[in-house]
Amino acid sequence: MNLLKEYNLRFEYRKEDDVLAVHSEIDQSILAHFLMHWNKPIDIVDDLLPLVNKGIRYGNIENWKVKDGWSGYYIEEEDMFLEGIDADVIGSVFVTSDKTKIDSSELGLVDLEMNSGDFKEIIIQWLCFILRTKNSPV
């Protein structure tokens, strides 16, 4: 299955102005904006993918806890709650075991809920595209 096609996404690199872009249909434009915000391989590898993996691993009902006035998906070995992922002006992105929710704030885009496995795979495809296109190491 081609996830880029399924989510109506197309990656582009404009060499003349050294710009990476993600094109999408209106319903997935929030996802395109999110990906363009995360456009540095080192940030994707060191920060984004570990957060996505934690959400997929710990974002289930067994890990829902209330502790010290906080409630949410708790990671006991790190003594922390899962948090949303930075998305610049997009709003918030929250990854759980089965679903990822991307909520719009300042841009007025349509919110998106998608499968977390698909979300992670699209991020990996975006990372591979950047590495191939820019010929840059992680």
Foldseek 3Di string as FASTA:
>chain_A
DDLCVVQAWDWDADVVVRATFIDGDQQCVLVRLQLSVVQDLVCCVVPVLVLLVCQQVQQDPVQFDQDPNDTARADVVVRDHRDWDDRDQQCTWHGHNFKIWGHGDPPPGHIDIDGSVSSSVVSVVSSVCSCVVVVDDD
